[in-house]
């Protein structure tokens, strides 16, 4: 089975989210202000971008965007449920809303804003040592 490079990143990020949501406390700096909802928005926006970068999905245009939002939002609600099984954590509707909003914003940006898309598609070739 050949693994395509565009499918590695969504899986890696989803696994990282899964691992983090199983922790009672997260390693985050204490700056006096809670950036929890912003973090949810950005992380799930990144997940949506990674999913939409899959070429066959991106080629579907708005259908691909809607599918991506549906998948990421579904994963977010499952993640919230998983958190409720962890001591000291609970389901928060506002977290799921931030996750879904991040998926919506990032998916639309990736589809419509060429500079955002180019940023994620920029590739730095590695030089081989002789």
N, C-alpha and C. Protein backbone atom coordinates (compact mmCIF):
# COMPACT_ATOMS: atom_id res chain seq x y z
N UNK A 1 0.84 -1.18 0.00
CA UNK A 1 0.00 0.00 0.00
C UNK A 1 0.89 1.24 0.00
N UNK A 2 0.67 2.11 -0.97
CA UNK A 2 1.47 3.32 -1.08
C UNK A 2 0.76 4.46 -0.37
N UNK A 3 1.46 5.12 0.55
CA UNK A 3 0.90 6.24 1.29
C UNK A 3 1.27 7.52 0.54
N UNK A 4 0.26 8.32 0.22
CA UNK A 4 0.50 9.57 -0.49
C UNK A 4 0.84 10.66 0.51
N UNK A 5 1.73 11.53 0.11
CA UNK A 5 2.26 12.54 1.03
C UNK A 5 1.19 13.49 1.56
N UNK A 6 0.17 13.79 0.78
CA UNK A 6 -0.87 14.71 1.24
C UNK A 6 -1.77 14.10 2.31
N UNK A 7 -1.81 12.78 2.40
CA UNK A 7 -2.67 12.16 3.40
C UNK A 7 -1.98 11.96 4.73
N UNK A 8 -0.68 12.10 4.77
CA UNK A 8 0.06 11.91 6.03
C UNK A 8 -0.28 13.01 7.03
N UNK A 9 -0.32 14.26 6.60
CA UNK A 9 -0.49 15.39 7.51
C UNK A 9 -1.85 15.43 8.22
N UNK A 10 -2.95 15.15 7.53
CA UNK A 10 -4.22 15.14 8.27
C UNK A 10 -4.23 14.05 9.35
N UNK A 11 -3.70 12.88 9.01
CA UNK A 11 -3.66 11.79 10.00
C UNK A 11 -2.74 12.13 11.16
N UNK A 12 -1.58 12.71 10.87
CA UNK A 12 -0.64 13.06 11.94
C UNK A 12 -1.25 14.09 12.89
N UNK A 13 -1.93 15.08 12.34
CA UNK A 13 -2.55 16.11 13.17
C UNK A 13 -3.72 15.54 13.97
N UNK A 14 -4.53 14.70 13.34
CA UNK A 14 -5.66 14.08 14.04
C UNK A 14 -5.18 13.21 15.20
N UNK A 15 -4.10 12.48 14.99
CA UNK A 15 -3.54 11.65 16.06
C UNK A 15 -2.99 12.52 17.18
N UNK A 16 -2.36 13.63 16.83
CA UNK A 16 -1.84 14.56 17.84
C UNK A 16 -2.98 15.16 18.67
N UNK A 17 -4.07 15.53 18.02
CA UNK A 17 -5.23 16.06 18.73
C UNK A 17 -5.80 15.00 19.66
N UNK A 18 -5.88 13.77 19.17
CA UNK A 18 -6.39 12.65 19.97
C UNK A 18 -5.53 12.45 21.22
N UNK A 19 -4.23 12.49 21.05
CA UNK A 19 -3.32 12.30 22.19
C UNK A 19 -3.46 13.45 23.19
N UNK A 20 -3.56 14.67 22.70
CA UNK A 20 -3.67 15.83 23.59
C UNK A 20 -4.99 15.83 24.35
N UNK A 21 -6.06 15.41 23.71
CA UNK A 21 -7.36 15.45 24.38
C UNK A 21 -7.49 14.39 25.46
N UNK A 22 -6.57 13.44 25.49
CA UNK A 22 -6.59 12.41 26.53
C UNK A 22 -5.82 12.80 27.78
N UNK A 23 -5.26 14.01 27.80
CA UNK A 23 -4.48 14.47 28.94
C UNK A 23 -5.36 15.28 29.90
N UNK A 24 -5.15 15.08 31.19
CA UNK A 24 -5.92 15.85 32.18
C UNK A 24 -5.52 17.31 32.17
N UNK A 25 -4.24 17.57 31.99
CA UNK A 25 -3.75 18.95 31.90
C UNK A 25 -2.89 19.04 30.65
N UNK A 26 -2.97 20.17 29.99
CA UNK A 26 -2.18 20.38 28.79
C UNK A 26 -0.99 21.27 29.09
N UNK A 27 0.11 21.00 28.45
CA UNK A 27 1.30 21.81 28.62
C UNK A 27 1.15 23.08 27.79
N UNK A 28 0.72 24.13 28.43
CA UNK A 28 0.54 25.41 27.74
C UNK A 28 1.01 26.52 28.66
N UNK A 29 1.58 27.56 28.09
CA UNK A 29 2.06 28.65 28.94
C UNK A 29 0.91 29.38 29.62
N UNK A 30 1.14 29.82 30.85
CA UNK A 30 0.14 30.58 31.58
C UNK A 30 0.44 32.06 31.39
N UNK A 31 -0.36 32.72 30.56
CA UNK A 31 -0.15 34.14 30.28
C UNK A 31 -1.22 35.00 30.92
N UNK A 32 -2.03 34.40 31.77
CA UNK A 32 -3.06 35.15 32.47
C UNK A 32 -4.37 35.25 31.74
N UNK A 33 -4.35 34.94 30.44
CA UNK A 33 -5.56 34.99 29.62
C UNK A 33 -5.75 33.62 28.98
N UNK A 34 -6.98 33.16 28.92
CA UNK A 34 -7.24 31.87 28.29
C UNK A 34 -7.37 32.04 26.78
N UNK A 35 -6.51 31.37 26.09
CA UNK A 35 -6.56 31.37 24.63
C UNK A 35 -7.15 30.06 24.12
N UNK A 36 -7.91 29.39 24.95
CA UNK A 36 -8.45 28.07 24.64
C UNK A 36 -9.25 28.05 23.35
N UNK A 37 -10.19 28.96 23.21
CA UNK A 37 -11.05 28.96 22.02
C UNK A 37 -10.26 29.32 20.76
N UNK A 38 -9.32 30.24 20.87
CA UNK A 38 -8.46 30.58 19.74
C UNK A 38 -7.62 29.38 19.33
N UNK A 39 -7.10 28.66 20.32
CA UNK A 39 -6.32 27.46 20.03
C UNK A 39 -7.18 26.42 19.30
N UNK A 40 -8.41 26.24 19.76
CA UNK A 40 -9.32 25.31 19.09
C UNK A 40 -9.55 25.74 17.64
N UNK A 41 -9.83 27.01 17.43
CA UNK A 41 -10.09 27.54 16.10
C UNK A 41 -8.88 27.30 15.18
N UNK A 42 -7.69 27.59 15.67
CA UNK A 42 -6.49 27.47 14.84
C UNK A 42 -6.11 26.02 14.55
N UNK A 43 -6.19 25.17 15.56
CA UNK A 43 -5.79 23.77 15.37
C UNK A 43 -6.75 23.05 14.43
N UNK A 44 -8.04 23.24 14.63
CA UNK A 44 -8.99 22.57 13.74
C UNK A 44 -9.05 23.24 12.37
N UNK A 45 -8.69 24.51 12.28
CA UNK A 45 -8.53 25.15 10.98
C UNK A 45 -7.35 24.54 10.23
N UNK A 46 -6.28 24.28 10.96
CA UNK A 46 -5.12 23.63 10.36
C UNK A 46 -5.48 22.21 9.90
N UNK A 47 -6.26 21.50 10.70
CA UNK A 47 -6.70 20.17 10.31
C UNK A 47 -7.54 20.23 9.03
N UNK A 48 -8.45 21.19 8.96
CA UNK A 48 -9.28 21.34 7.76
C UNK A 48 -8.42 21.66 6.54
N UNK A 49 -7.43 22.52 6.72
CA UNK A 49 -6.52 22.84 5.61
C UNK A 49 -5.78 21.60 5.15
N UNK A 50 -5.29 20.80 6.10
CA UNK A 50 -4.56 19.58 5.76
C UNK A 50 -5.46 18.60 5.01
N UNK A 51 -6.71 18.50 5.42
CA UNK A 51 -7.65 17.60 4.72
C UNK A 51 -7.94 18.12 3.32
N UNK A 52 -8.20 19.40 3.19
CA UNK A 52 -8.54 19.97 1.89
C UNK A 52 -7.36 19.99 0.92
N UNK A 53 -6.16 19.84 1.43
CA UNK A 53 -4.97 19.78 0.57
C UNK A 53 -4.90 18.46 -0.20
N UNK A 54 -5.70 17.48 0.17
CA UNK A 54 -5.73 16.23 -0.58
C UNK A 54 -6.27 16.55 -1.98
N UNK A 55 -5.48 16.31 -3.02
CA UNK A 55 -5.84 16.78 -4.36
C UNK A 55 -7.23 16.36 -4.83
N UNK A 56 -7.62 15.12 -4.64
CA UNK A 56 -8.93 14.67 -5.11
C UNK A 56 -10.06 15.41 -4.40
N UNK A 57 -9.85 15.80 -3.17
CA UNK A 57 -10.87 16.53 -2.41
C UNK A 57 -10.92 17.99 -2.86
N UNK A 58 -9.75 18.60 -3.04
CA UNK A 58 -9.70 20.00 -3.48
C UNK A 58 -10.33 20.19 -4.86
N UNK A 59 -10.15 19.21 -5.74
CA UNK A 59 -10.70 19.30 -7.10
C UNK A 59 -12.22 19.35 -7.11
N UNK A 60 -12.86 18.94 -6.04
CA UNK A 60 -14.32 18.94 -5.97
C UNK A 60 -14.89 20.32 -5.64
N UNK A 61 -14.03 21.31 -5.41
CA UNK A 61 -14.48 22.68 -5.17
C UNK A 61 -15.32 22.80 -3.90
N UNK A 62 -16.49 23.41 -4.02
CA UNK A 62 -17.34 23.64 -2.85
C UNK A 62 -17.82 22.33 -2.22
N UNK A 63 -17.99 21.29 -3.02
CA UNK A 63 -18.37 20.00 -2.45
C UNK A 63 -17.25 19.46 -1.55
N UNK A 64 -16.02 19.67 -1.98
CA UNK A 64 -14.87 19.27 -1.16
C UNK A 64 -14.79 20.07 0.12
N UNK A 65 -15.09 21.36 0.03
CA UNK A 65 -15.09 22.23 1.21
C UNK A 65 -16.15 21.76 2.20
N UNK A 66 -17.36 21.52 1.72
CA UNK A 66 -18.44 21.07 2.61
C UNK A 66 -18.12 19.72 3.23
N UNK A 67 -17.54 18.81 2.45
CA UNK A 67 -17.15 17.51 2.98
C UNK A 67 -16.08 17.68 4.06
N UNK A 68 -15.11 18.54 3.80
CA UNK A 68 -14.04 18.79 4.77
C UNK A 68 -14.60 19.35 6.07
N UNK A 69 -15.49 20.33 5.97
CA UNK A 69 -16.10 20.92 7.17
C UNK A 69 -16.87 19.86 7.94
N UNK A 70 -17.61 19.03 7.24
CA UNK A 70 -18.39 17.96 7.87
C UNK A 70 -17.46 16.97 8.60
N UNK A 71 -16.40 16.55 7.94
CA UNK A 71 -15.46 15.59 8.54
C UNK A 71 -14.77 16.19 9.77
N UNK A 72 -14.26 17.40 9.64
CA UNK A 72 -13.53 18.03 10.75
C UNK A 72 -14.47 18.35 11.91
N UNK A 73 -15.66 18.82 11.62
CA UNK A 73 -16.63 19.11 12.68
C UNK A 73 -17.06 17.82 13.38
N UNK A 74 -17.23 16.76 12.61
CA UNK A 74 -17.56 15.46 13.21
C UNK A 74 -16.45 14.95 14.09
N UNK A 75 -15.21 15.10 13.62
CA UNK A 75 -14.06 14.69 14.44
C UNK A 75 -14.00 15.53 15.71
N UNK A 76 -14.34 16.81 15.60
CA UNK A 76 -14.31 17.71 16.77
C UNK A 76 -15.31 17.28 17.83
N UNK A 77 -16.51 16.89 17.42
CA UNK A 77 -17.51 16.47 18.41
C UNK A 77 -17.09 15.14 19.04
N UNK A 78 -16.49 14.25 18.26
CA UNK A 78 -15.98 13.00 18.83
C UNK A 78 -14.83 13.28 19.80
N UNK A 79 -14.01 14.27 19.47
CA UNK A 79 -12.91 14.65 20.36
C UNK A 79 -13.45 15.22 21.68
N UNK A 80 -14.50 16.02 21.59
CA UNK A 80 -15.12 16.55 22.82
C UNK A 80 -15.68 15.42 23.68
N UNK A 81 -16.29 14.43 23.05
CA UNK A 81 -16.81 13.29 23.80
C UNK A 81 -15.66 12.54 24.46
N UNK A 82 -14.57 12.33 23.72
CA UNK A 82 -13.41 11.63 24.28
C UNK A 82 -12.85 12.38 25.48
N UNK A 83 -12.84 13.71 25.41
CA UNK A 83 -12.36 14.51 26.54
C UNK A 83 -13.20 14.28 27.77
N UNK A 84 -14.49 14.05 27.58
CA UNK A 84 -15.37 13.85 28.74
C UNK A 84 -15.04 12.56 29.49
N UNK A 85 -14.33 11.65 28.85
CA UNK A 85 -13.92 10.40 29.50
C UNK A 85 -12.61 10.56 30.26
N UNK A 86 -11.98 11.71 30.14
CA UNK A 86 -10.71 11.99 30.81
C UNK A 86 -10.99 12.74 32.11
N UNK A 87 -10.42 12.27 33.23
CA UNK A 87 -10.64 12.98 34.50
C UNK A 87 -10.20 14.44 34.41
N UNK A 88 -11.05 15.32 34.91
CA UNK A 88 -10.75 16.75 34.90
C UNK A 88 -11.14 17.46 33.63
N UNK A 89 -11.67 16.74 32.66
CA UNK A 89 -12.08 17.36 31.38
C UNK A 89 -13.58 17.15 31.19
N UNK A 90 -14.19 17.98 30.38
CA UNK A 90 -15.63 17.89 30.12
C UNK A 90 -15.93 18.34 28.69
N UNK A 91 -17.12 18.01 28.23
CA UNK A 91 -17.58 18.47 26.92
C UNK A 91 -17.94 19.95 27.02
N UNK A 92 -17.45 20.74 26.08
CA UNK A 92 -17.81 22.15 26.02
C UNK A 92 -18.33 22.46 24.63
N UNK A 93 -19.57 22.88 24.56
CA UNK A 93 -20.19 23.22 23.28
C UNK A 93 -19.41 24.33 22.59
N UNK A 94 -18.90 25.29 23.36
CA UNK A 94 -18.15 26.40 22.77
C UNK A 94 -16.85 25.93 22.12
N UNK A 95 -16.24 24.88 22.65
CA UNK A 95 -15.05 24.31 22.01
C UNK A 95 -15.41 23.75 20.64
N UNK A 96 -16.52 23.02 20.57
CA UNK A 96 -16.94 22.43 19.29
C UNK A 96 -17.29 23.54 18.29
N UNK A 97 -17.92 24.60 18.75
CA UNK A 97 -18.24 25.73 17.87
C UNK A 97 -16.96 26.36 17.34
N UNK A 98 -15.97 26.56 18.21
CA UNK A 98 -14.68 27.12 17.77
C UNK A 98 -13.99 26.18 16.78
N UNK A 99 -14.06 24.87 17.03
CA UNK A 99 -13.47 23.89 16.11
C UNK A 99 -14.12 23.97 14.74
N UNK A 100 -15.44 24.00 14.72
CA UNK A 100 -16.19 24.04 13.46
C UNK A 100 -15.97 25.36 12.73
N UNK A 101 -15.95 26.46 13.47
CA UNK A 101 -15.69 27.76 12.87
C UNK A 101 -14.29 27.79 12.25
N UNK A 102 -13.31 27.21 12.93
CA UNK A 102 -11.95 27.12 12.38
C UNK A 102 -11.93 26.34 11.08
N UNK A 103 -12.69 25.23 11.04
CA UNK A 103 -12.76 24.43 9.82
C UNK A 103 -13.42 25.21 8.68
N UNK A 104 -14.48 25.94 9.00
CA UNK A 104 -15.18 26.73 7.97
C UNK A 104 -14.27 27.81 7.41
N UNK A 105 -13.65 28.59 8.29
CA UNK A 105 -12.79 29.69 7.85
C UNK A 105 -11.62 29.18 7.03
N UNK A 106 -10.91 28.17 7.55
CA UNK A 106 -9.73 27.67 6.85
C UNK A 106 -10.08 27.03 5.52
N UNK A 107 -11.18 26.31 5.45
CA UNK A 107 -11.57 25.66 4.19
C UNK A 107 -11.90 26.70 3.12
N UNK A 108 -12.64 27.71 3.49
CA UNK A 108 -12.99 28.76 2.52
C UNK A 108 -11.74 29.54 2.10
N UNK A 109 -10.86 29.84 3.07
CA UNK A 109 -9.62 30.52 2.73
C UNK A 109 -8.79 29.70 1.75
N UNK A 110 -8.69 28.41 2.01
CA UNK A 110 -7.87 27.55 1.15
C UNK A 110 -8.46 27.46 -0.26
N UNK A 111 -9.77 27.42 -0.36
CA UNK A 111 -10.40 27.32 -1.67
C UNK A 111 -10.31 28.63 -2.45
N UNK A 112 -10.53 29.76 -1.77
CA UNK A 112 -10.70 31.03 -2.47
C UNK A 112 -9.48 31.95 -2.46
N UNK A 113 -8.60 31.84 -1.50
CA UNK A 113 -7.49 32.77 -1.38
C UNK A 113 -6.20 32.10 -1.84
N UNK A 114 -5.73 32.48 -3.00
CA UNK A 114 -4.58 31.84 -3.62
C UNK A 114 -3.32 31.96 -2.77
N UNK A 115 -3.11 33.08 -2.12
CA UNK A 115 -1.89 33.26 -1.31
C UNK A 115 -1.86 32.29 -0.13
N UNK A 116 -3.00 32.07 0.48
CA UNK A 116 -3.08 31.09 1.58
C UNK A 116 -2.75 29.69 1.06
N UNK A 117 -3.33 29.36 -0.09
CA UNK A 117 -3.08 28.05 -0.69
C UNK A 117 -1.61 27.91 -1.08
N UNK A 118 -1.02 28.94 -1.66
CA UNK A 118 0.38 28.89 -2.06
C UNK A 118 1.30 28.73 -0.86
N UNK A 119 0.95 29.37 0.26
CA UNK A 119 1.74 29.24 1.48
C UNK A 119 1.85 27.78 1.89
N UNK A 120 0.75 27.05 1.83
CA UNK A 120 0.75 25.65 2.25
C UNK A 120 1.34 24.73 1.21
N UNK A 121 1.40 25.15 -0.02
CA UNK A 121 1.93 24.30 -1.08
C UNK A 121 3.39 24.58 -1.39
N UNK A 122 3.98 25.58 -0.72
CA UNK A 122 5.38 25.90 -0.96
C UNK A 122 6.24 24.72 -0.55
N UNK A 123 7.14 24.32 -1.39
CA UNK A 123 7.98 23.14 -1.14
C UNK A 123 9.44 23.54 -1.24
N UNK A 124 10.18 23.23 -0.21
CA UNK A 124 11.63 23.50 -0.21
C UNK A 124 12.33 22.18 -0.53
N UNK A 125 12.96 22.11 -1.67
CA UNK A 125 13.65 20.86 -2.02
C UNK A 125 14.86 20.66 -1.12
N UNK A 126 15.06 19.43 -0.74
CA UNK A 126 16.22 19.08 0.07
C UNK A 126 17.37 18.71 -0.85
N UNK A 127 18.55 19.17 -0.51
CA UNK A 127 19.73 18.84 -1.31
C UNK A 127 20.33 17.55 -0.80
N UNK A 128 20.77 16.75 -1.71
CA UNK A 128 21.45 15.51 -1.33
C UNK A 128 22.92 15.80 -1.08
N UNK A 129 23.42 15.22 -0.03
CA UNK A 129 24.86 15.37 0.24
C UNK A 129 25.64 14.38 -0.61
N UNK A 130 26.76 14.87 -1.09
CA UNK A 130 27.59 14.02 -1.97
C UNK A 130 28.64 13.32 -1.17
